[in-house]
Amino acid sequence: MDQRGMTRNELAKSIHTRFEVVDKWYRGDVSKIDLDILARICYVMGCTVEELLVYEAP
């Protein structure tokens, strides 16, 4: 997001969701993944799922 010059608020508006949702993604505080939100973020940011998510073993 920072590399693309977009604020969290701008991203939230562009994917039609609340700021709090984007803020949780930004902070890495996501416990459940909403695939619709994930797809919209990827579309707007021009990135892949692999660029957003990192697997961490339990």
PDB file of N, CA and C in Angstrom:
ATOM      1  N   MET A   1       0.824  -1.173   0.000  1.00  0.00           N
ATOM      2  CA  MET A   1       0.000   0.000   0.000  1.00  0.00           C
ATOM      3  C   MET A   1       0.873   1.242   0.000  1.00  0.00           C
ATOM      4  N   ASP A   2       1.823   1.275   0.915  1.00  0.00           N
ATOM      5  CA  ASP A   2       2.701   2.435   1.002  1.00  0.00           C
ATOM      6  C   ASP A   2       3.487   2.624  -0.295  1.00  0.00           C
ATOM      7  N   GLN A   3       3.923   1.518  -0.893  1.00  0.00           N
ATOM      8  CA  GLN A   3       4.696   1.586  -2.134  1.00  0.00           C
ATOM      9  C   GLN A   3       3.860   2.123  -3.286  1.00  0.00           C
ATOM     10  N   ARG A   4       2.570   1.948  -3.209  1.00  0.00           N
ATOM     11  CA  ARG A   4       1.688   2.412  -4.279  1.00  0.00           C
ATOM     12  C   ARG A   4       1.113   3.799  -3.987  1.00  0.00           C
ATOM     13  N   GLY A   5       1.496   4.390  -2.873  1.00  0.00           N
ATOM     14  CA  GLY A   5       1.052   5.733  -2.534  1.00  0.00           C
ATOM     15  C   GLY A   5      -0.416   5.823  -2.170  1.00  0.00           C
ATOM     16  N   MET A   6      -0.963   4.757  -1.603  1.00  0.00           N
ATOM     17  CA  MET A   6      -2.376   4.724  -1.238  1.00  0.00           C
ATOM     18  C   MET A   6      -2.499   4.601   0.278  1.00  0.00           C
ATOM     19  N   THR A   7      -3.373   5.392   0.860  1.00  0.00           N
ATOM     20  CA  THR A   7      -3.596   5.307   2.299  1.00  0.00           C
ATOM     21  C   THR A   7      -4.585   4.193   2.604  1.00  0.00           C
ATOM     22  N   ARG A   8      -4.650   3.804   3.863  1.00  0.00           N
ATOM     23  CA  ARG A   8      -5.612   2.783   4.273  1.00  0.00           C
ATOM     24  C   ARG A   8      -7.037   3.260   4.039  1.00  0.00           C
ATOM     25  N   ASN A   9      -7.272   4.529   4.276  1.00  0.00           N
ATOM     26  CA  ASN A   9      -8.606   5.083   4.067  1.00  0.00           C
ATOM     27  C   ASN A   9      -8.986   5.044   2.585  1.00  0.00           C
ATOM     28  N   GLU A  10      -8.048   5.396   1.713  1.00  0.00           N
ATOM     29  CA  GLU A  10      -8.312   5.351   0.274  1.00  0.00           C
ATOM     30  C   GLU A  10      -8.587   3.920  -0.187  1.00  0.00           C
ATOM     31  N   LEU A  11      -7.819   2.964   0.334  1.00  0.00           N
ATOM     32  CA  LEU A  11      -8.043   1.566  -0.028  1.00  0.00           C
ATOM     33  C   LEU A  11      -9.419   1.107   0.439  1.00  0.00           C
ATOM     34  N   ALA A  12      -9.775   1.447   1.667  1.00  0.00           N
ATOM     35  CA  ALA A  12     -11.087   1.059   2.192  1.00  0.00           C
ATOM     36  C   ALA A  12     -12.211   1.587   1.302  1.00  0.00           C
ATOM     37  N   LYS A  13     -12.103   2.836   0.900  1.00  0.00           N
ATOM     38  CA  LYS A  13     -13.131   3.414   0.029  1.00  0.00           C
ATOM     39  C   LYS A  13     -13.155   2.731  -1.331  1.00  0.00           C
ATOM     40  N   SER A  14     -11.983   2.427  -1.879  1.00  0.00           N
ATOM     41  CA  SER A  14     -11.932   1.852  -3.227  1.00  0.00           C
ATOM     42  C   SER A  14     -12.427   0.407  -3.275  1.00  0.00           C
ATOM     43  N   ILE A  15     -12.368  -0.313  -2.150  1.00  0.00           N
ATOM     44  CA  ILE A  15     -12.887  -1.690  -2.132  1.00  0.00           C
ATOM     45  C   ILE A  15     -14.239  -1.772  -1.423  1.00  0.00           C
ATOM     46  N   HIS A  16     -14.790  -0.620  -1.087  1.00  0.00           N
ATOM     47  CA  HIS A  16     -16.135  -0.525  -0.501  1.00  0.00           C
ATOM     48  C   HIS A  16     -16.257  -1.301   0.810  1.00  0.00           C
ATOM     49  N   THR A  17     -15.358  -0.993   1.730  1.00  0.00           N
ATOM     50  CA  THR A  17     -15.423  -1.608   3.057  1.00  0.00           C
ATOM     51  C   THR A  17     -15.034  -0.572   4.102  1.00  0.00           C
ATOM     52  N   ARG A  18     -15.139  -0.959   5.347  1.00  0.00           N
ATOM     53  CA  ARG A  18     -14.817  -0.044   6.439  1.00  0.00           C
ATOM     54  C   ARG A  18     -13.305   0.067   6.629  1.00  0.00           C
ATOM     55  N   PHE A  19     -12.872   1.215   7.137  1.00  0.00           N
ATOM     56  CA  PHE A  19     -11.462   1.457   7.428  1.00  0.00           C
ATOM     57  C   PHE A  19     -10.916   0.403   8.380  1.00  0.00           C
ATOM     58  N   GLU A  20     -11.714   0.009   9.367  1.00  0.00           N
ATOM     59  CA  GLU A  20     -11.267  -0.955  10.374  1.00  0.00           C
ATOM     60  C   GLU A  20     -10.858  -2.290   9.752  1.00  0.00           C
ATOM     61  N   VAL A  21     -11.547  -2.689   8.702  1.00  0.00           N
ATOM     62  CA  VAL A  21     -11.217  -3.945   8.017  1.00  0.00           C
ATOM     63  C   VAL A  21      -9.833  -3.838   7.380  1.00  0.00           C
ATOM     64  N   VAL A  22      -9.593  -2.761   6.663  1.00  0.00           N
ATOM     65  CA  VAL A  22      -8.293  -2.549   6.020  1.00  0.00           C
ATOM     66  C   VAL A  22      -7.204  -2.386   7.073  1.00  0.00           C
ATOM     67  N   ASP A  23      -7.511  -1.702   8.147  1.00  0.00           N
ATOM     68  CA  ASP A  23      -6.530  -1.491   9.210  1.00  0.00           C
ATOM     69  C   ASP A  23      -6.088  -2.815   9.826  1.00  0.00           C
ATOM     70  N   LYS A  24      -7.016  -3.741  10.009  1.00  0.00           N
ATOM     71  CA  LYS A  24      -6.654  -5.064  10.540  1.00  0.00           C
ATOM     72  C   LYS A  24      -5.715  -5.795   9.586  1.00  0.00           C
ATOM     73  N   TRP A  25      -6.003  -5.743   8.293  1.00  0.00           N
ATOM     74  CA  TRP A  25      -5.114  -6.360   7.304  1.00  0.00           C
ATOM     75  C   TRP A  25      -3.738  -5.704   7.368  1.00  0.00           C
ATOM     76  N   TYR A  26      -3.711  -4.392   7.458  1.00  0.00           N
ATOM     77  CA  TYR A  26      -2.453  -3.637   7.483  1.00  0.00           C
ATOM     78  C   TYR A  26      -1.597  -4.042   8.686  1.00  0.00           C
ATOM     79  N   ARG A  27      -2.229  -4.231   9.829  1.00  0.00           N
ATOM     80  CA  ARG A  27      -1.518  -4.600  11.058  1.00  0.00           C
ATOM     81  C   ARG A  27      -1.261  -6.102  11.165  1.00  0.00           C
ATOM     82  N   GLY A  28      -1.809  -6.885  10.242  1.00  0.00           N
ATOM     83  CA  GLY A  28      -1.632  -8.335  10.294  1.00  0.00           C
ATOM     84  C   GLY A  28      -2.466  -8.986  11.374  1.00  0.00           C
ATOM     85  N   ASP A  29      -3.600  -8.372  11.690  1.00  0.00           N
ATOM     86  CA  ASP A  29      -4.466  -8.834  12.769  1.00  0.00           C
ATOM     87  C   ASP A  29      -5.744  -9.470  12.205  1.00  0.00           C
ATOM     88  N   VAL A  30      -5.585 -10.367  11.241  1.00  0.00           N
ATOM     89  CA  VAL A  30      -6.727 -11.001  10.587  1.00  0.00           C
ATOM     90  C   VAL A  30      -6.808 -12.450  11.044  1.00  0.00           C
ATOM     91  N   SER A  31      -7.948 -12.824  11.633  1.00  0.00           N
ATOM     92  CA  SER A  31      -8.105 -14.206  12.088  1.00  0.00           C
ATOM     93  C   SER A  31      -8.880 -15.049  11.074  1.00  0.00           C
ATOM     94  N   LYS A  32      -9.790 -14.416  10.339  1.00  0.00           N
ATOM     95  CA  LYS A  32     -10.548 -15.099   9.288  1.00  0.00           C
ATOM     96  C   LYS A  32     -10.416 -14.280   8.009  1.00  0.00           C
ATOM     97  N   ILE A  33     -10.240 -14.981   6.906  1.00  0.00           N
ATOM     98  CA  ILE A  33     -10.053 -14.293   5.633  1.00  0.00           C
ATOM     99  C   ILE A  33     -11.366 -14.273   4.861  1.00  0.00           C
ATOM    100  N   ASP A  34     -11.824 -13.085   4.546  1.00  0.00           N
ATOM    101  CA  ASP A  34     -12.993 -12.904   3.687  1.00  0.00           C
ATOM    102  C   ASP A  34     -12.466 -12.886   2.252  1.00  0.00           C
ATOM    103  N   LEU A  35     -12.789 -13.915   1.485  1.00  0.00           N
ATOM    104  CA  LEU A  35     -12.240 -14.043   0.135  1.00  0.00           C
ATOM    105  C   LEU A  35     -12.671 -12.908  -0.785  1.00  0.00           C
ATOM    106  N   ASP A  36     -13.848 -12.361  -0.558  1.00  0.00           N
ATOM    107  CA  ASP A  36     -14.306 -11.230  -1.362  1.00  0.00           C
ATOM    108  C   ASP A  36     -13.423 -10.011  -1.108  1.00  0.00           C
ATOM    109  N   ILE A  37     -13.132  -9.739   0.155  1.00  0.00           N
ATOM    110  CA  ILE A  37     -12.253  -8.617   0.507  1.00  0.00           C
ATOM    111  C   ILE A  37     -10.862  -8.860  -0.069  1.00  0.00           C
ATOM    112  N   LEU A  38     -10.358 -10.075   0.080  1.00  0.00           N
ATOM    113  CA  LEU A  38      -9.036 -10.424  -0.444  1.00  0.00           C
ATOM    114  C   LEU A  38      -8.971 -10.181  -1.952  1.00  0.00           C
ATOM    115  N   ALA A  39      -9.980 -10.617  -2.671  1.00  0.00           N
ATOM    116  CA  ALA A  39     -10.013 -10.432  -4.125  1.00  0.00           C
ATOM    117  C   ALA A  39     -10.053  -8.956  -4.494  1.00  0.00           C
ATOM    118  N   ARG A  40     -10.837  -8.176  -3.761  1.00  0.00           N
ATOM    119  CA  ARG A  40     -10.927  -6.742  -4.055  1.00  0.00           C
ATOM    120  C   ARG A  40      -9.607  -6.031  -3.776  1.00  0.00           C
ATOM    121  N   ILE A  41      -8.938  -6.402  -2.679  1.00  0.00           N
ATOM    122  CA  ILE A  41      -7.635  -5.802  -2.366  1.00  0.00           C
ATOM    123  C   ILE A  41      -6.643  -6.123  -3.487  1.00  0.00           C
ATOM    124  N   CYS A  42      -6.595  -7.376  -3.898  1.00  0.00           N
ATOM    125  CA  CYS A  42      -5.677  -7.779  -4.971  1.00  0.00           C
ATOM    126  C   CYS A  42      -5.965  -7.010  -6.259  1.00  0.00           C
ATOM    127  N   TYR A  43      -7.223  -6.870  -6.588  1.00  0.00           N
ATOM    128  CA  TYR A  43      -7.606  -6.167  -7.814  1.00  0.00           C
ATOM    129  C   TYR A  43      -7.164  -4.705  -7.771  1.00  0.00           C
ATOM    130  N   VAL A  44      -7.493  -4.020  -6.689  1.00  0.00           N
ATOM    131  CA  VAL A  44      -7.181  -2.595  -6.572  1.00  0.00           C
ATOM    132  C   VAL A  44      -5.677  -2.358  -6.468  1.00  0.00           C
ATOM    133  N   MET A  45      -4.985  -3.230  -5.734  1.00  0.00           N
ATOM    134  CA  MET A  45      -3.545  -3.048  -5.528  1.00  0.00           C
ATOM    135  C   MET A  45      -2.720  -3.622  -6.677  1.00  0.00           C
ATOM    136  N   GLY A  46      -3.350  -4.378  -7.559  1.00  0.00           N
ATOM    137  CA  GLY A  46      -2.621  -4.963  -8.678  1.00  0.00           C
ATOM    138  C   GLY A  46      -1.585  -5.981  -8.227  1.00  0.00           C
ATOM    139  N   CYS A  47      -1.990  -6.818  -7.267  1.00  0.00           N
ATOM    140  CA  CYS A  47      -1.058  -7.811  -6.732  1.00  0.00           C
ATOM    141  C   CYS A  47      -1.729  -9.177  -6.680  1.00  0.00           C
ATOM    142  N   THR A  48      -0.965 -10.173  -6.263  1.00  0.00           N
ATOM    143  CA  THR A  48      -1.491 -11.530  -6.140  1.00  0.00           C
ATOM    144  C   THR A  48      -1.733 -11.859  -4.673  1.00  0.00           C
ATOM    145  N   VAL A  49      -2.467 -12.926  -4.450  1.00  0.00           N
ATOM    146  CA  VAL A  49      -2.727 -13.398  -3.089  1.00  0.00           C
ATOM    147  C   VAL A  49      -1.407 -13.709  -2.383  1.00  0.00           C
ATOM    148  N   GLU A  50      -0.477 -14.314  -3.116  1.00  0.00           N
ATOM    149  CA  GLU A  50       0.812 -14.691  -2.535  1.00  0.00           C
ATOM    150  C   GLU A  50       1.593 -13.487  -2.018  1.00  0.00           C
ATOM    151  N   GLU A  51       1.364 -12.331  -2.605  1.00  0.00           N
ATOM    152  CA  GLU A  51       2.049 -11.124  -2.153  1.00  0.00           C
ATOM    153  C   GLU A  51       1.440 -10.574  -0.862  1.00  0.00           C
ATOM    154  N   LEU A  52       0.218 -10.968  -0.562  1.00  0.00           N
ATOM    155  CA  LEU A  52      -0.460 -10.465   0.633  1.00  0.00           C
ATOM    156  C   LEU A  52      -0.381 -11.416   1.815  1.00  0.00           C
ATOM    157  N   LEU A  53      -0.414 -12.713   1.542  1.00  0.00           N
ATOM    158  CA  LEU A  53      -0.497 -13.697   2.618  1.00  0.00           C
ATOM    159  C   LEU A  53       0.806 -14.466   2.780  1.00  0.00           C
ATOM    160  N   VAL A  54       1.155 -14.720   4.027  1.00  0.00           N
ATOM    161  CA  VAL A  54       2.333 -15.515   4.351  1.00  0.00           C
ATOM    162  C   VAL A  54       1.896 -16.613   5.307  1.00  0.00           C
ATOM    163  N   TYR A  55       2.226 -17.854   4.976  1.00  0.00           N
ATOM    164  CA  TYR A  55       1.876 -18.974   5.848  1.00  0.00           C
ATOM    165  C   TYR A  55       2.840 -19.020   7.025  1.00  0.00           C
ATOM    166  N   GLU A  56       2.277 -19.121   8.226  1.00  0.00           N
ATOM    167  CA  GLU A  56       3.070 -19.292   9.440  1.00  0.00           C
ATOM    168  C   GLU A  56       2.594 -20.564  10.120  1.00  0.00           C
ATOM    169  N   ALA A  57       3.499 -21.491  10.320  1.00  0.00           N
ATOM    170  CA  ALA A  57       3.143 -22.754  10.973  1.00  0.00           C
ATOM    171  C   ALA A  57       2.675 -22.493  12.398  1.00  0.00           C
ATOM    172  N   PRO A  58       1.685 -23.271  12.856  1.00  0.00           N
ATOM    173  CA  PRO A  58       1.169 -23.066  14.224  1.00  0.00           C
ATOM    174  C   PRO A  58       2.183 -23.439  15.287  1.00  0.00           C
TER     175      PRO A  58
END
